[in-house]
Protein backbone atom coordinates (compact mmCIF):
# COMPACT_ATOMS: atom_id res chain seq x y z
CA GLN A 1 4.30 -15.37 -13.84
CA VAL A 2 3.94 -16.78 -10.32
CA GLN A 3 5.79 -19.92 -9.38
CA LEU A 4 5.95 -21.80 -6.09
CA VAL A 5 8.54 -24.58 -6.01
CA GLU A 6 8.61 -26.94 -3.06
CA SER A 7 11.63 -29.02 -2.10
CA GLY A 8 13.01 -30.90 0.88
CA GLY A 9 10.73 -33.90 0.99
CA GLY A 10 11.95 -37.42 1.31
CA LEU A 11 11.96 -40.59 3.39
CA VAL A 12 12.60 -40.21 7.10
CA GLN A 13 12.28 -42.54 10.09
CA PRO A 14 9.68 -41.94 12.78
CA GLY A 15 10.95 -39.33 15.24
CA GLY A 16 13.07 -37.70 12.58
CA SER A 17 13.02 -34.22 11.11
CA LEU A 18 12.74 -32.59 7.70
CA ARG A 19 12.61 -29.01 6.50
CA LEU A 20 10.47 -28.19 3.51
CA SER A 21 11.10 -25.15 1.37
CA CYS A 22 8.86 -23.22 -0.98
CA ALA A 23 10.73 -20.81 -3.25
CA ALA A 24 8.47 -18.11 -4.63
CA SER A 25 8.81 -16.00 -7.70
CA GLY A 26 6.37 -13.46 -9.14
CA ILE A 27 5.01 -12.63 -5.68
CA ILE A 28 6.44 -11.08 -2.51
CA LEU A 29 5.95 -13.48 0.37
CA ASP A 30 5.94 -10.64 2.91
CA TYR A 31 2.63 -9.44 1.36
CA ALA A 32 1.04 -12.83 0.96
CA PHE A 33 -0.98 -15.16 3.19
CA MET A 34 1.03 -18.39 2.99
CA ARG A 35 -0.05 -21.88 3.86
CA TRP A 36 1.21 -25.42 3.86
CA TYR A 37 -1.28 -28.17 3.06
CA ARG A 38 -0.86 -31.92 2.87
CA GLN A 39 -2.73 -34.72 1.19
CA ALA A 40 -2.39 -38.39 2.02
CA PRO A 41 -3.49 -41.06 -0.49
CA GLY A 42 -7.24 -41.33 -0.55
CA LYS A 43 -7.77 -38.41 1.77
CA GLN A 44 -8.69 -34.77 1.38
CA ARG A 45 -6.14 -31.96 1.35
CA ASP A 46 -5.72 -30.60 4.87
CA LEU A 47 -4.30 -27.34 6.14
CA VAL A 48 -1.08 -27.87 8.11
CA ALA A 49 0.10 -24.38 8.96
CA SER A 50 -0.28 -20.77 7.91
CA ILE A 51 1.53 -17.44 8.25
CA THR A 52 0.02 -14.03 7.59
CA SER A 53 1.77 -11.06 6.02
CA GLY A 54 2.13 -9.70 9.57
CA GLY A 55 3.87 -12.88 10.70
CA SER A 56 1.07 -14.46 12.73
CA THR A 57 1.16 -18.23 12.58
CA ASN A 58 -1.43 -20.95 13.05
CA TYR A 59 -1.20 -24.74 13.06
CA GLY A 60 -3.41 -27.76 12.64
CA ALA A 61 -4.07 -29.64 15.87
CA SER A 62 -2.17 -32.72 14.73
CA VAL A 63 1.09 -30.84 14.09
CA LYS A 64 1.04 -28.15 16.79
CA GLY A 65 4.22 -28.25 18.82
CA ARG A 66 6.04 -30.32 16.22
CA PHE A 67 5.97 -28.19 13.05
CA THR A 68 7.09 -24.59 12.57
CA ILE A 69 6.22 -22.36 9.64
CA SER A 70 8.51 -19.45 8.80
CA ARG A 71 9.68 -17.32 5.90
CA ASP A 72 12.90 -15.69 4.77
CA SER A 73 12.15 -12.33 3.20
CA ALA A 74 15.59 -11.98 1.63
CA LYS A 75 15.26 -15.38 -0.10
CA ASN A 76 11.49 -15.00 -0.73
CA THR A 77 11.15 -18.52 0.59
CA LEU A 78 8.64 -20.22 2.89
CA TYR A 79 9.68 -23.06 5.19
CA LEU A 80 8.10 -25.80 7.20
CA GLN A 81 10.31 -27.33 9.87
CA MET A 82 8.92 -30.72 10.81
CA ASN A 83 10.16 -32.47 13.95
CA SER A 84 9.14 -35.64 15.74
CA LEU A 85 7.68 -36.99 12.53
CA LYS A 86 5.09 -39.76 12.68
CA PRO A 87 3.97 -42.25 10.05
CA GLU A 88 0.64 -40.41 9.87
CA ASP A 89 2.51 -37.33 8.61
CA THR A 90 3.17 -39.20 5.34
CA ALA A 91 1.63 -37.15 2.54
CA VAL A 92 2.32 -34.84 -0.36
CA TYR A 93 2.96 -31.38 1.04
CA TYR A 94 1.86 -28.33 -0.91
CA CYS A 95 2.73 -24.69 -0.65
CA ASN A 96 -0.17 -22.22 -1.16
CA ALA A 97 -0.17 -18.47 -1.56
CA ALA A 98 -3.09 -16.05 -1.37
CA TYR A 99 -1.90 -12.82 -3.04
CA TRP A 100 -4.01 -9.89 -4.25
CA SER A 101 -7.20 -11.97 -4.47
CA GLU A 102 -5.43 -14.72 -6.45
CA GLU A 103 -4.44 -18.14 -5.19
CA TYR A 104 -1.42 -20.15 -6.24
CA TRP A 105 -0.19 -23.67 -5.62
CA GLY A 106 3.10 -25.43 -5.84
CA GLN A 107 3.54 -28.87 -7.38
CA GLY A 108 3.99 -30.61 -4.06
CA THR A 109 6.78 -32.61 -2.39
CA GLN A 110 6.42 -36.13 -1.01
CA VAL A 111 7.12 -36.80 2.63
CA THR A 112 7.25 -40.42 3.75
CA VAL A 113 7.72 -41.36 7.38
CA SER A 114 8.54 -45.02 7.74
CA SER A 115 10.99 -47.34 9.41
């Protein structure tokens, strides 16, 4: 059974930082195509960042230079380091895994950027 469990969300002031985690079980992150998405109220779910099994990363234009996606093979965990946060980064953040032609989602973690 595959599980993706996000954590690390919360309330942060503009300009602050958060690190999201996505702990995986049932899959091996090193062999998966991993992505972070986010969805703000009333808006579509947007791709934030991705990392391939080979370690290549890609970012959405709105977060490039501020967010960093990474993974820890030993912990089988995906991360999203978010710096210089803005109110428009407020959303539910979801971890997504594409693995052996299947796709899996976590339950999401809320990030709120507000003073």
